[in-house]
Amino acid sequence: MTAKKFRGFFAFNATPTTDDGESIDLDRLRRYLDYQIGQGVHGMAVIGSTGSIGSLSEEESRQVIEVSVEHTGGRVPVVAGTGAMTTTAAVRLSKYAESAGADGVIVVPITYWPLTPDEVYAHYAAIAHAISIPICVYNNPWTTGTDIMPETLAKLTEDFDNVRYCKESSADLTRVTEIRKLTGDVMTVFCGWDSMALEHFSAGADGWFGGMGALSPAQCVKLFDLAVDKKDVVAARQYFDQFYPLLRFLCDKSHVRVAHTGLDILGLDMGPPRKPLRMLEGEDRAALEKILRDFGMLEGAAEAAE
């Protein structure tokens, strides 16, 4: 099979809730999808880390995937987050995503127990056998406790034609080069650590799955364009320096909290995250609002959100 090529900035969408945070708000979801596409993203990932993957039931994940694919209508690729505690559940949700028309899946190994390399390989191999759409391996050891090493990724790319992407979130800047070299550039590396985006691009990352895109998609697209498409190192660094306070704040205060609170500040109400997570309040909310204002994001925000 010939895998569809993903490249560019893919927003890690927030998942809208009702005002009490207890149910998925599908009307808000549809408006939010239109907002993201209007901001120029190259693609979107739903049910990712910023999309509260750990807070949703499998049925809710299916609902978000189905509505996102249907409402997007092919305007941009939709990649579904199908990570789960067990291989069986991850395979089941990945097969559903394919049947619903998702363009690909991104799979984080959600687990209570750190996995061995053999267990990681077998997990992704089972998913790769079960579906034909592209698979992005999501390495996020800071939340999963499992670090997926470049050697494991290389073996997966060698054995399966549909394993061609990695979201690299280890914060080890040598990984981009290691993965590219070990896979012969067969695997496209996506930046997964927003405050290190510029460094990832310099090392050869050809994409960015960004939690920051839940809140500032147009700005992420601009940085990717300057750094990767235009290869304008000076302009990209200057823009990154302006962007950095927001990227740093996101990493420090958690993607879900910052995304939901920031979108509320911008006038795009997404509801609160599921408890026990809460919206930012007091000094943290004030600090976020100041960062957004200083970066020029409050100007025209209401119009963009409509």
C-alpha atoms as a PDB file:
ATOM      1  CA  MET A   1       0.000   0.000   0.000  1.00  0.00           C
ATOM      2  CA  THR A   2       1.019   3.617  -0.472  1.00  0.00           C
ATOM      3  CA  ALA A   3       0.578   5.551   2.753  1.00  0.00           C
ATOM      4  CA  LYS A   4      -0.861   9.044   2.595  1.00  0.00           C
ATOM      5  CA  LYS A   5       1.864  11.588   3.288  1.00  0.00           C
ATOM      6  CA  PHE A   6       1.287  13.854   6.278  1.00  0.00           C
ATOM      7  CA  ARG A   7       3.335  17.000   6.599  1.00  0.00           C
ATOM      8  CA  GLY A   8       3.027  20.401   8.230  1.00  0.00           C
ATOM      9  CA  PHE A   9       1.275  21.636  11.324  1.00  0.00           C
ATOM     10  CA  PHE A  10      -1.437  19.397  12.791  1.00  0.00           C
ATOM     11  CA  ALA A  11      -3.319  20.950  15.708  1.00  0.00           C
ATOM     12  CA  PHE A  12      -3.879  18.772  18.752  1.00  0.00           C
ATOM     13  CA  ASN A  13      -7.473  19.873  19.228  1.00  0.00           C
ATOM     14  CA  ALA A  14      -9.133  20.452  22.562  1.00  0.00           C
ATOM     15  CA  THR A  15     -12.337  18.488  23.149  1.00  0.00           C
ATOM     16  CA  PRO A  16     -15.290  20.809  23.907  1.00  0.00           C
ATOM     17  CA  THR A  17     -17.502  20.048  26.878  1.00  0.00           C
ATOM     18  CA  THR A  18     -20.784  21.346  28.230  1.00  0.00           C
ATOM     19  CA  ASP A  19     -20.634  24.079  30.866  1.00  0.00           C
ATOM     20  CA  ASP A  20     -20.391  21.545  33.695  1.00  0.00           C
ATOM     21  CA  GLY A  21     -17.592  19.651  31.941  1.00  0.00           C
ATOM     22  CA  GLU A  22     -19.445  16.352  32.167  1.00  0.00           C
ATOM     23  CA  SER A  23     -20.517  15.789  28.554  1.00  0.00           C
ATOM     24  CA  ILE A  24     -19.016  16.305  25.109  1.00  0.00           C
ATOM     25  CA  ASP A  25     -20.558  19.352  23.417  1.00  0.00           C
ATOM     26  CA  LEU A  26     -20.907  18.419  19.749  1.00  0.00           C
ATOM     27  CA  ASP A  27     -22.170  21.837  18.643  1.00  0.00           C
ATOM     28  CA  ARG A  28     -19.097  23.467  20.142  1.00  0.00           C
ATOM     29  CA  LEU A  29     -16.983  20.778  18.503  1.00  0.00           C
ATOM     30  CA  ARG A  30     -18.313  21.583  15.039  1.00  0.00           C
ATOM     31  CA  ARG A  31     -17.727  25.322  15.516  1.00  0.00           C
ATOM     32  CA  TYR A  32     -14.235  24.609  16.775  1.00  0.00           C
ATOM     33  CA  LEU A  33     -13.385  22.427  13.776  1.00  0.00           C
ATOM     34  CA  ASP A  34     -14.421  25.256  11.462  1.00  0.00           C
ATOM     35  CA  TYR A  35     -12.300  27.668  13.489  1.00  0.00           C
ATOM     36  CA  GLN A  36      -9.241  25.447  13.190  1.00  0.00           C
ATOM     37  CA  ILE A  37      -9.625  25.006   9.444  1.00  0.00           C
ATOM     38  CA  GLY A  38     -10.160  28.752   9.053  1.00  0.00           C
ATOM     39  CA  GLN A  39      -6.860  29.340  10.846  1.00  0.00           C
ATOM     40  CA  GLY A  40      -5.000  27.429   8.143  1.00  0.00           C
ATOM     41  CA  VAL A  41      -3.927  24.213   9.870  1.00  0.00           C
ATOM     42  CA  HIS A  42      -2.563  21.501   7.599  1.00  0.00           C
ATOM     43  CA  GLY A  43      -4.422  18.847   9.572  1.00  0.00           C
ATOM     44  CA  MET A  44      -5.969  18.079  12.950  1.00  0.00           C
ATOM     45  CA  ALA A  45      -5.562  15.403  15.590  1.00  0.00           C
ATOM     46  CA  VAL A  46      -8.556  14.622  17.779  1.00  0.00           C
ATOM     47  CA  ILE A  47      -8.492  12.744  21.099  1.00  0.00           C
ATOM     48  CA  GLY A  48      -4.873  13.614  21.771  1.00  0.00           C
ATOM     49  CA  SER A  49      -3.239  14.755  24.983  1.00  0.00           C
ATOM     50  CA  THR A  50      -4.686  18.257  24.668  1.00  0.00           C
ATOM     51  CA  GLY A  51      -7.952  16.615  23.666  1.00  0.00           C
ATOM     52  CA  SER A  52      -8.247  15.025  27.114  1.00  0.00           C
ATOM     53  CA  ILE A  53      -7.621  11.472  25.903  1.00  0.00           C
ATOM     54  CA  GLY A  54      -7.378  10.169  29.462  1.00  0.00           C
ATOM     55  CA  SER A  55     -10.747  11.666  30.420  1.00  0.00           C
ATOM     56  CA  LEU A  56     -12.937  10.128  27.717  1.00  0.00           C
ATOM     57  CA  SER A  57     -14.684   6.800  27.468  1.00  0.00           C
ATOM     58  CA  GLU A  58     -14.251   4.700  24.345  1.00  0.00           C
ATOM     59  CA  GLU A  59     -17.786   5.551  23.278  1.00  0.00           C
ATOM     60  CA  GLU A  60     -17.093   9.271  23.669  1.00  0.00           C
ATOM     61  CA  SER A  61     -13.889   8.925  21.654  1.00  0.00           C
ATOM     62  CA  ARG A  62     -15.818   7.211  18.883  1.00  0.00           C
ATOM     63  CA  GLN A  63     -18.361  10.036  18.895  1.00  0.00           C
ATOM     64  CA  VAL A  64     -15.697  12.740  18.628  1.00  0.00           C
ATOM     65  CA  ILE A  65     -13.909  10.875  15.828  1.00  0.00           C
ATOM     66  CA  GLU A  66     -17.118  10.324  13.848  1.00  0.00           C
ATOM     67  CA  VAL A  67     -18.329  13.923  14.151  1.00  0.00           C
ATOM     68  CA  SER A  68     -14.873  15.357  13.407  1.00  0.00           C
ATOM     69  CA  VAL A  69     -14.424  13.308  10.253  1.00  0.00           C
ATOM     70  CA  GLU A  70     -17.961  13.969   9.053  1.00  0.00           C
ATOM     71  CA  HIS A  71     -17.937  17.713   9.732  1.00  0.00           C
ATOM     72  CA  THR A  72     -14.431  18.285   8.376  1.00  0.00           C
ATOM     73  CA  GLY A  73     -15.522  16.646   5.149  1.00  0.00           C
ATOM     74  CA  GLY A  74     -12.043  16.178   3.765  1.00  0.00           C
ATOM     75  CA  ARG A  75     -11.071  19.837   4.049  1.00  0.00           C
ATOM     76  CA  VAL A  76      -7.966  18.792   5.982  1.00  0.00           C
ATOM     77  CA  PRO A  77      -6.747  15.381   7.175  1.00  0.00           C
ATOM     78  CA  VAL A  78      -8.144  14.176  10.497  1.00  0.00           C
ATOM     79  CA  VAL A  79      -5.924  11.914  12.589  1.00  0.00           C
ATOM     80  CA  ALA A  80      -7.637  10.102  15.452  1.00  0.00           C
ATOM     81  CA  GLY A  81      -6.037   9.435  18.812  1.00  0.00           C
ATOM     82  CA  THR A  82      -6.613   5.750  19.529  1.00  0.00           C
ATOM     83  CA  GLY A  83      -4.354   5.086  22.482  1.00  0.00           C
ATOM     84  CA  ALA A  84      -5.795   2.778  25.129  1.00  0.00           C
ATOM     85  CA  MET A  85      -4.752   0.807  28.206  1.00  0.00           C
ATOM     86  CA  THR A  86      -4.796  -2.512  26.371  1.00  0.00           C
ATOM     87  CA  THR A  87      -3.734  -3.604  22.920  1.00  0.00           C
ATOM     88  CA  THR A  88      -7.186  -5.045  22.274  1.00  0.00           C
ATOM     89  CA  ALA A  89      -8.863  -1.715  23.035  1.00  0.00           C
ATOM     90  CA  ALA A  90      -6.338   0.241  20.934  1.00  0.00           C
ATOM     91  CA  VAL A  91      -6.891  -2.112  17.988  1.00  0.00           C
ATOM     92  CA  ARG A  92     -10.672  -1.851  18.372  1.00  0.00           C
ATOM     93  CA  LEU A  93     -10.646   1.948  18.437  1.00  0.00           C
ATOM     94  CA  SER A  94      -8.146   2.146  15.565  1.00  0.00           C
ATOM     95  CA  LYS A  95     -10.357  -0.091  13.424  1.00  0.00           C
ATOM     96  CA  TYR A  96     -13.311   2.108  14.262  1.00  0.00           C
ATOM     97  CA  ALA A  97     -11.358   5.239  13.272  1.00  0.00           C
ATOM     98  CA  GLU A  98     -10.526   3.672   9.915  1.00  0.00           C
ATOM     99  CA  SER A  99     -14.157   2.676   9.319  1.00  0.00           C
ATOM    100  CA  ALA A 100     -15.303   6.188  10.250  1.00  0.00           C
ATOM    101  CA  GLY A 101     -13.066   7.674   7.562  1.00  0.00           C
ATOM    102  CA  ALA A 102     -10.157   9.017   9.632  1.00  0.00           C
ATOM    103  CA  ASP A 103      -7.066   9.693   7.530  1.00  0.00           C
ATOM    104  CA  GLY A 104      -4.756   8.147  10.104  1.00  0.00           C
ATOM    105  CA  VAL A 105      -4.353   7.303  13.771  1.00  0.00           C
ATOM    106  CA  ILE A 106      -1.933   8.545  16.398  1.00  0.00           C
ATOM    107  CA  VAL A 107      -1.342   6.043  19.178  1.00  0.00           C
ATOM    108  CA  VAL A 108       0.189   6.736  22.575  1.00  0.00           C
ATOM    109  CA  PRO A 109       0.856   3.681  24.764  1.00  0.00           C
ATOM    110  CA  ILE A 110      -1.388   4.476  27.717  1.00  0.00           C
ATOM    111  CA  THR A 111      -0.254   2.215  30.515  1.00  0.00           C
ATOM    112  CA  TYR A 112       0.121   1.995  34.276  1.00  0.00           C
ATOM    113  CA  TRP A 113       3.202  -0.205  33.864  1.00  0.00           C
ATOM    114  CA  PRO A 114       6.291   0.908  31.886  1.00  0.00           C
ATOM    115  CA  LEU A 115       6.529  -1.298  28.811  1.00  0.00           C
ATOM    116  CA  THR A 116       9.539  -3.226  27.528  1.00  0.00           C
ATOM    117  CA  PRO A 117      10.705  -2.647  23.926  1.00  0.00           C
ATOM    118  CA  ASP A 118       9.260  -6.044  22.924  1.00  0.00           C
ATOM    119  CA  GLU A 119       5.890  -5.116  24.429  1.00  0.00           C
ATOM    120  CA  VAL A 120       5.911  -1.764  22.638  1.00  0.00           C
ATOM    121  CA  TYR A 121       6.721  -3.440  19.328  1.00  0.00           C
ATOM    122  CA  ALA A 122       3.990  -6.059  19.744  1.00  0.00           C
ATOM    123  CA  HIS A 123       1.443  -3.382  20.676  1.00  0.00           C
ATOM    124  CA  TYR A 124       2.018  -1.356  17.521  1.00  0.00           C
ATOM    125  CA  ALA A 125       2.416  -4.459  15.363  1.00  0.00           C
ATOM    126  CA  ALA A 126      -1.065  -5.590  16.351  1.00  0.00           C
ATOM    127  CA  ILE A 127      -2.505  -2.218  15.358  1.00  0.00           C
ATOM    128  CA  ALA A 128      -0.552  -2.177  12.091  1.00  0.00           C
ATOM    129  CA  HIS A 129      -1.877  -5.640  11.202  1.00  0.00           C
ATOM    130  CA  ALA A 130      -5.453  -4.540  11.938  1.00  0.00           C
ATOM    131  CA  ILE A 131      -5.680  -1.354   9.843  1.00  0.00           C
ATOM    132  CA  SER A 132      -4.314  -0.002   6.585  1.00  0.00           C
ATOM    133  CA  ILE A 133      -4.391   3.760   7.241  1.00  0.00           C
ATOM    134  CA  PRO A 134      -1.187   5.510   8.426  1.00  0.00           C
ATOM    135  CA  ILE A 135      -0.100   5.101  12.035  1.00  0.00           C
ATOM    136  CA  CYS A 136       1.789   7.741  13.992  1.00  0.00           C
ATOM    137  CA  VAL A 137       3.662   6.372  16.995  1.00  0.00           C
ATOM    138  CA  TYR A 138       3.358   8.867  19.830  1.00  0.00           C
ATOM    139  CA  ASN A 139       6.345   8.793  22.160  1.00  0.00           C
ATOM    140  CA  ASN A 140       5.537  10.729  25.327  1.00  0.00           C
ATOM    141  CA  PRO A 141       7.531   9.182  28.187  1.00  0.00           C
ATOM    142  CA  TRP A 142       6.775  12.094  30.504  1.00  0.00           C
ATOM    143  CA  THR A 143       3.151  11.020  30.771  1.00  0.00           C
ATOM    144  CA  THR A 144       3.296   7.318  29.894  1.00  0.00           C
ATOM    145  CA  GLY A 145       6.472   6.249  31.665  1.00  0.00           C
ATOM    146  CA  THR A 146       7.458   4.383  28.486  1.00  0.00           C
ATOM    147  CA  ASP A 147      10.169   5.749  26.212  1.00  0.00           C
ATOM    148  CA  ILE A 148       9.902   4.358  22.693  1.00  0.00           C
ATOM    149  CA  MET A 149      13.455   4.154  21.416  1.00  0.00           C
ATOM    150  CA  PRO A 150      14.593   4.894  17.838  1.00  0.00           C
ATOM    151  CA  GLU A 151      15.613   1.250  17.350  1.00  0.00           C
ATOM    152  CA  THR A 152      12.038   0.121  18.020  1.00  0.00           C
ATOM    153  CA  LEU A 153      10.694   2.709  15.589  1.00  0.00           C
ATOM    154  CA  ALA A 154      13.141   1.553  12.936  1.00  0.00           C
ATOM    155  CA  LYS A 155      12.011  -2.059  13.307  1.00  0.00           C
ATOM    156  CA  LEU A 156       8.355  -1.005  13.022  1.00  0.00           C
ATOM    157  CA  THR A 157       9.009   0.983   9.831  1.00  0.00           C
ATOM    158  CA  GLU A 158      10.924  -1.952   8.386  1.00  0.00           C
ATOM    159  CA  ASP A 159       8.147  -4.435   9.121  1.00  0.00           C
ATOM    160  CA  PHE A 160       5.018  -2.370   8.427  1.00  0.00           C
ATOM    161  CA  ASP A 161       4.308  -0.041   5.503  1.00  0.00           C
ATOM    162  CA  ASN A 162       1.701   1.939   7.420  1.00  0.00           C
ATOM    163  CA  VAL A 163       3.989   2.899  10.339  1.00  0.00           C
ATOM    164  CA  ARG A 164       5.576   6.003   8.877  1.00  0.00           C
ATOM    165  CA  TYR A 165       5.203   8.750  11.498  1.00  0.00           C
ATOM    166  CA  CYS A 166       6.391   9.522  14.980  1.00  0.00           C
ATOM    167  CA  LYS A 167       5.378  12.299  17.332  1.00  0.00           C
ATOM    168  CA  GLU A 168       8.581  12.699  19.326  1.00  0.00           C
ATOM    169  CA  SER A 169       7.993  14.154  22.810  1.00  0.00           C
ATOM    170  CA  SER A 170      10.929  12.828  24.799  1.00  0.00           C
ATOM    171  CA  ALA A 171      12.624  16.273  24.940  1.00  0.00           C
ATOM    172  CA  ASP A 172      15.826  14.564  23.760  1.00  0.00           C
ATOM    173  CA  LEU A 173      16.874  16.710  20.816  1.00  0.00           C
ATOM    174  CA  THR A 174      19.114  13.984  19.406  1.00  0.00           C
ATOM    175  CA  ARG A 175      16.077  11.804  18.727  1.00  0.00           C
ATOM    176  CA  VAL A 176      15.032  13.573  15.519  1.00  0.00           C
ATOM    177  CA  THR A 177      18.376  12.833  13.907  1.00  0.00           C
ATOM    178  CA  GLU A 178      18.565   9.314  15.379  1.00  0.00           C
ATOM    179  CA  ILE A 179      15.137   8.378  14.030  1.00  0.00           C
ATOM    180  CA  ARG A 180      15.796   9.868  10.621  1.00  0.00           C
ATOM    181  CA  LYS A 181      19.157   8.103  10.318  1.00  0.00           C
ATOM    182  CA  LEU A 182      17.978   4.705  11.579  1.00  0.00           C
ATOM    183  CA  THR A 183      14.919   4.688   9.315  1.00  0.00           C
ATOM    184  CA  GLY A 184      16.662   6.188   6.292  1.00  0.00           C
ATOM    185  CA  ASP A 185      14.203   9.098   6.464  1.00  0.00           C
ATOM    186  CA  VAL A 186      11.355   6.650   5.861  1.00  0.00           C
ATOM    187  CA  MET A 187       9.760   7.805   9.116  1.00  0.00           C
ATOM    188  CA  THR A 188       8.548  11.406   9.186  1.00  0.00           C
ATOM    189  CA  VAL A 189       9.331  12.912  12.577  1.00  0.00           C
ATOM    190  CA  PHE A 190       6.767  15.307  14.006  1.00  0.00           C
ATOM    191  CA  CYS A 191       7.787  17.692  16.776  1.00  0.00           C
ATOM    192  CA  GLY A 192       5.896  16.872  19.956  1.00  0.00           C
ATOM    193  CA  TRP A 193       7.448  19.295  22.437  1.00  0.00           C
ATOM    194  CA  ASP A 194       6.086  22.734  21.628  1.00  0.00           C
ATOM    195  CA  SER A 195       8.673  24.868  23.405  1.00  0.00           C
ATOM    196  CA  MET A 196      11.423  23.032  21.459  1.00  0.00           C
ATOM    197  CA  ALA A 197       9.747  23.309  18.062  1.00  0.00           C
ATOM    198  CA  LEU A 198      12.443  25.404  16.441  1.00  0.00           C
ATOM    199  CA  GLU A 199      15.169  22.994  17.530  1.00  0.00           C
ATOM    200  CA  HIS A 200      13.191  20.034  16.186  1.00  0.00           C
ATOM    201  CA  PHE A 201      12.739  21.749  12.821  1.00  0.00           C
ATOM    202  CA  SER A 202      16.467  22.513  12.631  1.00  0.00           C
ATOM    203  CA  ALA A 203      17.200  18.797  13.131  1.00  0.00           C
ATOM    204  CA  GLY A 204      14.867  17.765  10.317  1.00  0.00           C
ATOM    205  CA  ALA A 205      11.388  17.354  11.800  1.00  0.00           C
ATOM    206  CA  ASP A 206       9.005  17.702   8.881  1.00  0.00           C
ATOM    207  CA  GLY A 207       5.831  18.122  10.910  1.00  0.00           C
ATOM    208  CA  TRP A 208       4.445  19.357  14.191  1.00  0.00           C
ATOM    209  CA  PHE A 209       1.660  17.802  16.216  1.00  0.00           C
ATOM    210  CA  GLY A 210       1.150  20.739  18.537  1.00  0.00           C
ATOM    211  CA  GLY A 211      -0.943  21.091  21.664  1.00  0.00           C
ATOM    212  CA  MET A 212      -0.327  24.810  21.238  1.00  0.00           C
ATOM    213  CA  GLY A 213      -2.453  24.577  18.111  1.00  0.00           C
ATOM    214  CA  ALA A 214      -5.535  24.061  20.249  1.00  0.00           C
ATOM    215  CA  LEU A 215      -5.179  27.705  21.227  1.00  0.00           C
ATOM    216  CA  SER A 216      -3.018  29.417  18.584  1.00  0.00           C
ATOM    217  CA  PRO A 217      -3.180  27.447  15.331  1.00  0.00           C
ATOM    218  CA  ALA A 218      -2.434  30.337  12.953  1.00  0.00           C
ATOM    219  CA  GLN A 219       0.704  31.243  14.878  1.00  0.00           C
ATOM    220  CA  CYS A 220       1.935  27.640  14.786  1.00  0.00           C
ATOM    221  CA  VAL A 221       1.336  27.463  11.046  1.00  0.00           C
ATOM    222  CA  LYS A 222       3.342  30.682  10.594  1.00  0.00           C
ATOM    223  CA  LEU A 223       6.290  29.341  12.579  1.00  0.00           C
ATOM    224  CA  PHE A 224       6.289  26.093  10.597  1.00  0.00           C
ATOM    225  CA  ASP A 225       6.139  28.039   7.334  1.00  0.00           C
ATOM    226  CA  LEU A 226       9.093  30.242   8.273  1.00  0.00           C
ATOM    227  CA  ALA A 227      11.248  27.455   9.695  1.00  0.00           C
ATOM    228  CA  VAL A 228      10.495  24.519   7.399  1.00  0.00           C
ATOM    229  CA  ASP A 229       8.919  25.720   4.158  1.00  0.00           C
ATOM    230  CA  LYS A 230      10.769  29.016   3.717  1.00  0.00           C
ATOM    231  CA  LYS A 231      13.870  27.891   5.633  1.00  0.00           C
ATOM    232  CA  ASP A 232      14.278  31.472   6.840  1.00  0.00           C
ATOM    233  CA  VAL A 233      16.362  30.813   9.941  1.00  0.00           C
ATOM    234  CA  VAL A 234      16.563  34.417  11.116  1.00  0.00           C
ATOM    235  CA  ALA A 235      12.872  35.205  10.673  1.00  0.00           C
ATOM    236  CA  ALA A 236      11.874  31.900  12.261  1.00  0.00           C
ATOM    237  CA  ARG A 237      14.066  32.534  15.295  1.00  0.00           C
ATOM    238  CA  GLN A 238      12.734  36.063  15.714  1.00  0.00           C
ATOM    239  CA  TYR A 239       9.147  34.854  15.552  1.00  0.00           C
ATOM    240  CA  PHE A 240       9.884  31.945  17.862  1.00  0.00           C
ATOM    241  CA  ASP A 241      11.340  34.359  20.415  1.00  0.00           C
ATOM    242  CA  GLN A 242       8.031  36.266  20.413  1.00  0.00           C
ATOM    243  CA  PHE A 243       6.042  33.023  20.604  1.00  0.00           C
ATOM    244  CA  TYR A 244       8.204  31.383  23.252  1.00  0.00           C
ATOM    245  CA  PRO A 245       6.549  32.825  26.408  1.00  0.00           C
ATOM    246  CA  LEU A 246       3.242  31.245  25.382  1.00  0.00           C
ATOM    247  CA  LEU A 247       4.861  27.950  24.417  1.00  0.00           C
ATOM    248  CA  ARG A 248       6.742  27.843  27.717  1.00  0.00           C
ATOM    249  CA  PHE A 249       3.601  28.675  29.696  1.00  0.00           C
ATOM    250  CA  LEU A 250       1.746  25.842  27.970  1.00  0.00           C
ATOM    251  CA  CYS A 251       4.413  23.319  28.948  1.00  0.00           C
ATOM    252  CA  ASP A 252       4.619  24.628  32.521  1.00  0.00           C
ATOM    253  CA  LYS A 253       0.885  24.753  33.306  1.00  0.00           C
ATOM    254  CA  SER A 254      -0.380  21.760  31.266  1.00  0.00           C
ATOM    255  CA  HIS A 255      -1.793  21.724  27.768  1.00  0.00           C
ATOM    256  CA  VAL A 256      -5.403  20.956  28.727  1.00  0.00           C
ATOM    257  CA  ARG A 257      -5.685  23.720  31.335  1.00  0.00           C
ATOM    258  CA  VAL A 258      -4.016  26.322  29.135  1.00  0.00           C
ATOM    259  CA  ALA A 259      -6.008  25.385  26.030  1.00  0.00           C
ATOM    260  CA  HIS A 260      -9.430  25.561  27.682  1.00  0.00           C
ATOM    261  CA  THR A 261      -8.612  28.719  29.646  1.00  0.00           C
ATOM    262  CA  GLY A 262      -6.940  30.466  26.715  1.00  0.00           C
ATOM    263  CA  LEU A 263      -9.807  29.709  24.351  1.00  0.00           C
ATOM    264  CA  ASP A 264     -12.186  31.138  26.941  1.00  0.00           C
ATOM    265  CA  ILE A 265     -10.089  34.322  27.090  1.00  0.00           C
ATOM    266  CA  LEU A 266     -10.162  34.531  23.291  1.00  0.00           C
ATOM    267  CA  GLY A 267     -13.962  34.248  23.273  1.00  0.00           C
ATOM    268  CA  LEU A 268     -14.169  30.682  21.977  1.00  0.00           C
ATOM    269  CA  ASP A 269     -15.839  28.942  24.912  1.00  0.00           C
ATOM    270  CA  MET A 270     -14.982  25.240  24.976  1.00  0.00           C
ATOM    271  CA  GLY A 271     -16.281  24.442  28.432  1.00  0.00           C
ATOM    272  CA  PRO A 272     -14.007  23.309  31.275  1.00  0.00           C
ATOM    273  CA  PRO A 273     -11.777  20.230  31.253  1.00  0.00           C
ATOM    274  CA  ARG A 274     -13.033  17.181  33.081  1.00  0.00           C
ATOM    275  CA  LYS A 275     -12.432  17.092  36.823  1.00  0.00           C
ATOM    276  CA  PRO A 276     -10.132  16.820  38.607  1.00  0.00           C
ATOM    277  CA  LEU A 277      -8.493  19.174  36.064  1.00  0.00           C
ATOM    278  CA  ARG A 278      -9.657  22.760  36.372  1.00  0.00           C
ATOM    279  CA  MET A 279      -9.439  25.968  34.383  1.00  0.00           C
ATOM    280  CA  LEU A 280      -6.602  28.311  35.339  1.00  0.00           C
ATOM    281  CA  GLU A 281      -7.669  30.913  37.861  1.00  0.00           C
ATOM    282  CA  GLY A 282      -6.291  33.982  39.636  1.00  0.00           C
ATOM    283  CA  GLU A 283      -2.679  34.834  38.904  1.00  0.00           C
ATOM    284  CA  ASP A 284      -2.284  32.017  36.362  1.00  0.00           C
ATOM    285  CA  ARG A 285      -5.246  33.184  34.281  1.00  0.00           C
ATOM    286  CA  ALA A 286      -4.049  36.792  34.488  1.00  0.00           C
ATOM    287  CA  ALA A 287      -0.562  35.733  33.400  1.00  0.00           C
ATOM    288  CA  LEU A 288      -1.975  33.832  30.406  1.00  0.00           C
ATOM    289  CA  GLU A 289      -4.128  36.778  29.385  1.00  0.00           C
ATOM    290  CA  LYS A 290      -1.090  39.080  29.524  1.00  0.00           C
ATOM    291  CA  ILE A 291       0.967  36.691  27.384  1.00  0.00           C
ATOM    292  CA  LEU A 292      -1.828  36.489  24.806  1.00  0.00           C
ATOM    293  CA  ARG A 293      -2.145  40.281  24.786  1.00  0.00           C
ATOM    294  CA  ASP A 294       1.600  40.840  24.456  1.00  0.00           C
ATOM    295  CA  PHE A 295       1.707  38.381  21.551  1.00  0.00           C
ATOM    296  CA  GLY A 296      -1.102  40.270  19.808  1.00  0.00           C
ATOM    297  CA  MET A 297      -3.628  37.461  20.009  1.00  0.00           C
ATOM    298  CA  LEU A 298      -6.403  39.401  21.729  1.00  0.00           C
ATOM    299  CA  GLU A 299      -6.740  41.769  18.798  1.00  0.00           C
ATOM    300  CA  GLY A 300      -9.533  40.509  16.565  1.00  0.00           C
ATOM    301  CA  ALA A 301      -9.940  37.357  18.652  1.00  0.00           C
ATOM    302  CA  ALA A 302     -13.718  37.708  18.939  1.00  0.00           C
ATOM    303  CA  GLU A 303     -14.142  37.939  15.174  1.00  0.00           C
ATOM    304  CA  ALA A 304     -11.939  34.894  14.560  1.00  0.00           C
ATOM    305  CA  ALA A 305     -13.942  32.874  17.061  1.00  0.00           C
ATOM    306  CA  GLU A 306     -17.299  33.531  15.366  1.00  0.00           C
END
